[in-house]
C-alpha atoms as a PDB file:
ATOM      1  CA  MET A   1     -52.566 155.121  -6.256  1.00  0.00           C
ATOM      2  CA  PRO A   2     -50.876 154.320  -9.559  1.00  0.00           C
ATOM      3  CA  LYS A   3     -50.632 150.636 -10.432  1.00  0.00           C
ATOM      4  CA  VAL A   4     -47.503 149.675 -12.364  1.00  0.00           C
ATOM      5  CA  THR A   5     -47.208 146.314 -14.114  1.00  0.00           C
ATOM      6  CA  PHE A   6     -43.756 145.224 -15.241  1.00  0.00           C
ATOM      7  CA  ILE A   7     -43.568 142.433 -17.848  1.00  0.00           C
ATOM      8  CA  LEU A   8     -40.186 140.831 -17.203  1.00  0.00           C
ATOM      9  CA  ARG A   9     -38.000 139.178 -19.847  1.00  0.00           C
ATOM     10  CA  ASP A  10     -39.373 135.731 -18.958  1.00  0.00           C
ATOM     11  CA  LYS A  11     -42.891 137.178 -19.575  1.00  0.00           C
ATOM     12  CA  THR A  12     -43.922 136.998 -15.916  1.00  0.00           C
ATOM     13  CA  ARG A  13     -45.792 140.030 -14.628  1.00  0.00           C
ATOM     14  CA  ARG A  14     -45.058 141.952 -11.437  1.00  0.00           C
ATOM     15  CA  THR A  15     -47.648 144.521 -10.422  1.00  0.00           C
ATOM     16  CA  VAL A  16     -47.004 147.080  -7.696  1.00  0.00           C
ATOM     17  CA  GLU A  17     -48.863 150.129  -6.426  1.00  0.00           C
ATOM     18  CA  PHE A  18     -47.425 153.215  -4.803  1.00  0.00           C
ATOM     19  CA  GLU A  19     -48.823 156.309  -3.184  1.00  0.00           C
ATOM     20  CA  GLN A  20     -47.729 159.418  -5.066  1.00  0.00           C
ATOM     21  CA  GLY A  21     -45.549 161.672  -2.954  1.00  0.00           C
ATOM     22  CA  SER A  22     -44.602 158.987  -0.431  1.00  0.00           C
ATOM     23  CA  LEU A  23     -42.268 156.677  -2.388  1.00  0.00           C
ATOM     24  CA  PRO A  24     -38.737 156.672  -0.912  1.00  0.00           C
ATOM     25  CA  PHE A  25     -36.150 158.057  -3.346  1.00  0.00           C
ATOM     26  CA  ASP A  26     -32.491 157.050  -3.346  1.00  0.00           C
ATOM     27  CA  GLY A  27     -31.245 159.202  -6.216  1.00  0.00           C
ATOM     28  CA  HIS A  28     -31.495 156.663  -9.041  1.00  0.00           C
ATOM     29  CA  GLY A  29     -33.397 158.253 -11.932  1.00  0.00           C
ATOM     30  CA  LEU A  30     -36.164 160.770 -11.345  1.00  0.00           C
ATOM     31  CA  PRO A  31     -38.480 160.527  -8.323  1.00  0.00           C
ATOM     32  CA  GLU A  32     -41.468 158.236  -9.048  1.00  0.00           C
ATOM     33  CA  SER A  33     -39.921 157.068 -12.334  1.00  0.00           C
ATOM     34  CA  PHE A  34     -40.088 153.416 -13.388  1.00  0.00           C
ATOM     35  CA  LEU A  35     -36.559 152.989 -12.042  1.00  0.00           C
ATOM     36  CA  ASN A  36     -37.493 154.424  -8.636  1.00  0.00           C
ATOM     37  CA  VAL A  37     -40.637 152.246  -8.430  1.00  0.00           C
ATOM     38  CA  ALA A  38     -38.755 149.127  -9.568  1.00  0.00           C
ATOM     39  CA  LEU A  39     -35.871 149.526  -7.119  1.00  0.00           C
ATOM     40  CA  GLU A  40     -38.215 150.208  -4.190  1.00  0.00           C
ATOM     41  CA  ASN A  41     -40.114 147.013  -4.990  1.00  0.00           C
ATOM     42  CA  GLY A  42     -37.241 144.619  -5.674  1.00  0.00           C
ATOM     43  CA  ILE A  43     -37.705 144.544  -9.442  1.00  0.00           C
ATOM     44  CA  PRO A  44     -34.319 144.225 -11.184  1.00  0.00           C
ATOM     45  CA  LEU A  45     -34.361 147.077 -13.706  1.00  0.00           C
ATOM     46  CA  GLU A  46     -30.827 147.491 -15.015  1.00  0.00           C
ATOM     47  CA  HIS A  47     -29.349 151.013 -14.821  1.00  0.00           C
ATOM     48  CA  ALA A  48     -25.646 151.014 -15.669  1.00  0.00           C
ATOM     49  CA  CYS A  49     -25.351 154.825 -15.501  1.00  0.00           C
ATOM     50  CA  GLY A  50     -27.055 155.089 -12.119  1.00  0.00           C
ATOM     51  CA  GLY A  51     -30.195 156.562 -13.633  1.00  0.00           C
ATOM     52  CA  SER A  52     -28.603 159.710 -15.056  1.00  0.00           C
ATOM     53  CA  CYS A  53     -29.918 159.324 -18.638  1.00  0.00           C
ATOM     54  CA  ALA A  54     -26.447 158.411 -19.911  1.00  0.00           C
ATOM     55  CA  CYS A  55     -27.221 154.882 -21.207  1.00  0.00           C
ATOM     56  CA  THR A  56     -30.205 152.815 -22.346  1.00  0.00           C
ATOM     57  CA  THR A  57     -30.049 149.818 -20.009  1.00  0.00           C
ATOM     58  CA  CYS A  58     -33.332 150.870 -18.321  1.00  0.00           C
ATOM     59  CA  HIS A  59     -35.156 150.967 -21.681  1.00  0.00           C
ATOM     60  CA  LEU A  60     -38.790 149.833 -21.380  1.00  0.00           C
ATOM     61  CA  ILE A  61     -41.573 149.371 -23.924  1.00  0.00           C
ATOM     62  CA  ILE A  62     -44.850 150.893 -22.748  1.00  0.00           C
ATOM     63  CA  ARG A  63     -47.743 148.546 -23.520  1.00  0.00           C
ATOM     64  CA  GLU A  64     -50.523 150.522 -21.803  1.00  0.00           C
ATOM     65  CA  GLY A  65     -50.865 153.912 -20.140  1.00  0.00           C
ATOM     66  CA  MET A  66     -48.475 156.104 -22.143  1.00  0.00           C
ATOM     67  CA  GLN A  67     -50.772 159.036 -21.309  1.00  0.00           C
ATOM     68  CA  ASN A  68     -50.015 158.441 -17.599  1.00  0.00           C
ATOM     69  CA  LEU A  69     -46.315 159.274 -17.994  1.00  0.00           C
ATOM     70  CA  SER A  70     -44.386 162.533 -17.987  1.00  0.00           C
ATOM     71  CA  GLU A  71     -43.635 164.096 -21.362  1.00  0.00           C
ATOM     72  CA  MET A  72     -40.406 162.919 -22.947  1.00  0.00           C
ATOM     73  CA  GLU A  73     -37.597 165.476 -22.714  1.00  0.00           C
ATOM     74  CA  GLU A  74     -35.083 166.010 -25.511  1.00  0.00           C
ATOM     75  CA  ASN A  75     -32.184 164.347 -23.638  1.00  0.00           C
ATOM     76  CA  GLU A  76     -34.245 161.149 -23.197  1.00  0.00           C
ATOM     77  CA  ALA A  77     -35.267 161.127 -26.872  1.00  0.00           C
ATOM     78  CA  ASP A  78     -31.644 161.595 -27.949  1.00  0.00           C
ATOM     79  CA  ARG A  79     -30.438 158.775 -25.693  1.00  0.00           C
ATOM     80  CA  LEU A  80     -33.258 156.420 -26.778  1.00  0.00           C
ATOM     81  CA  ASP A  81     -32.015 156.683 -30.371  1.00  0.00           C
ATOM     82  CA  THR A  82     -29.224 154.291 -29.345  1.00  0.00           C
ATOM     83  CA  ALA A  83     -31.490 151.706 -27.628  1.00  0.00           C
ATOM     84  CA  TRP A  84     -31.738 148.120 -28.790  1.00  0.00           C
ATOM     85  CA  ASP A  85     -35.201 147.210 -30.204  1.00  0.00           C
ATOM     86  CA  LEU A  86     -36.434 150.812 -30.147  1.00  0.00           C
ATOM     87  CA  THR A  87     -40.194 151.234 -30.665  1.00  0.00           C
ATOM     88  CA  THR A  88     -42.529 154.219 -30.856  1.00  0.00           C
ATOM     89  CA  SER A  89     -43.606 153.383 -27.288  1.00  0.00           C
ATOM     90  CA  SER A  90     -40.090 153.125 -25.843  1.00  0.00           C
ATOM     91  CA  ARG A  91     -39.134 155.109 -22.746  1.00  0.00           C
ATOM     92  CA  LEU A  92     -36.171 155.180 -20.394  1.00  0.00           C
ATOM     93  CA  GLY A  93     -37.119 153.854 -16.975  1.00  0.00           C
ATOM     94  CA  CYS A  94     -34.996 156.476 -15.235  1.00  0.00           C
ATOM     95  CA  GLN A  95     -36.730 159.399 -16.968  1.00  0.00           C
ATOM     96  CA  ALA A  96     -40.406 158.439 -17.377  1.00  0.00           C
ATOM     97  CA  VAL A  97     -42.282 159.630 -14.278  1.00  0.00           C
ATOM     98  CA  ILE A  98     -45.481 157.718 -13.507  1.00  0.00           C
ATOM     99  CA  HIS A  99     -48.743 159.601 -12.874  1.00  0.00           C
ATOM    100  CA  GLY A 100     -51.276 156.753 -13.271  1.00  0.00           C
ATOM    101  CA  ASP A 101     -51.731 153.092 -14.194  1.00  0.00           C
ATOM    102  CA  VAL A 102     -49.226 151.761 -16.709  1.00  0.00           C
ATOM    103  CA  VAL A 103     -47.893 148.491 -18.145  1.00  0.00           C
ATOM    104  CA  ALA A 104     -44.226 148.352 -19.211  1.00  0.00           C
ATOM    105  CA  GLU A 105     -42.308 145.472 -20.767  1.00  0.00           C
ATOM    106  CA  PHE A 106     -38.601 144.809 -20.482  1.00  0.00           C
ATOM    107  CA  PRO A 107     -37.160 144.408 -24.005  1.00  0.00           C
ATOM    108  CA  MET A 108     -35.409 141.129 -24.722  1.00  0.00           C
ATOM    109  CA  TYR A 109     -31.998 142.841 -24.832  1.00  0.00           C
ATOM    110  CA  THR A 110     -30.369 146.070 -23.690  1.00  0.00           C
ATOM    111  CA  ARG A 111     -27.148 147.736 -24.765  1.00  0.00           C
ATOM    112  CA  ASN A 112     -24.718 147.924 -21.887  1.00  0.00           C
ATOM    113  CA  TYR A 113     -21.569 149.490 -23.317  1.00  0.00           C
ATOM    114  CA  VAL A 114     -19.604 149.034 -20.112  1.00  0.00           C
ATOM    115  CA  GLN A 115     -20.297 145.291 -19.841  1.00  0.00           C
ATOM    116  CA  GLU A 116     -19.866 144.801 -23.598  1.00  0.00           C
ATOM    117  CA  GLY A 117     -16.433 146.443 -23.555  1.00  0.00           C
ATOM    118  CA  GLY A 118     -17.070 149.330 -25.920  1.00  0.00           C
ATOM    119  CA  GLY A 119     -18.461 152.786 -26.309  1.00  0.00           C
ATOM    120  CA  ILE A 120     -17.543 154.028 -22.836  1.00  0.00           C
ATOM    121  CA  GLN A 121     -14.042 153.860 -21.436  1.00  0.00           C
ATOM    122  CA  LEU A 122     -13.532 154.284 -17.725  1.00  0.00           C
ATOM    123  CA  GLY A 123     -10.269 155.015 -15.943  1.00  0.00           C
ATOM    124  CA  ASN A 124      -7.071 155.192 -17.967  1.00  0.00           C
ATOM    125  CA  PRO A 125      -7.960 153.928 -21.472  1.00  0.00           C
ATOM    126  CA  GLN A 126      -5.284 152.184 -23.525  1.00  0.00           C
ATOM    127  CA  PRO A 127      -4.805 152.984 -27.184  1.00  0.00           C
ATOM    128  CA  VAL A 128      -6.460 150.332 -29.380  1.00  0.00           C
ATOM    129  CA  GLU A 129      -3.110 148.821 -30.496  1.00  0.00           C
ATOM    130  CA  GLU A 130      -1.888 148.362 -26.895  1.00  0.00           C
ATOM    131  CA  LYS A 131      -5.211 146.826 -25.850  1.00  0.00           C
ATOM    132  CA  LYS A 132      -5.101 144.279 -28.724  1.00  0.00           C
ATOM    133  CA  GLU A 133      -1.478 143.369 -27.918  1.00  0.00           C
ATOM    134  CA  ALA A 134      -2.359 142.925 -24.232  1.00  0.00           C
ATOM    135  CA  GLU A 135      -5.276 140.628 -25.140  1.00  0.00           C
ATOM    136  CA  VAL A 136      -3.142 138.524 -27.490  1.00  0.00           C
ATOM    137  CA  GLY A 137      -0.417 138.164 -24.880  1.00  0.00           C
ATOM    138  CA  SER A 138      -2.845 136.888 -22.207  1.00  0.00           C
END
């Protein structure tokens, strides 16, 4: 049974174990990924895109056990290029599938374009000039 230790932003550690092949999966990220393990164990790993490898809010820094993770695919590597505080041991929690014991740390910050009001526009976007005028008039 893989043992997964999450180092949270306040530096506390949460360690969980799961039996491979029996972890419930609700469609967020890949089955048995960090995101799947975190959500099933009440660990608040942010995932603004729903775990579809379209953001970097689930960015984690692997401190031990990199060899116990799935190989990084090209789409994950491309997305990670935009992560805050990127390191050579960075992985996306929604894409890295766990095969053995591992320790992963939450970075101090993540980039959430939706919450930060940039990068991704949902719904009916306003042209920049109209948006600025609307903000000034408020």
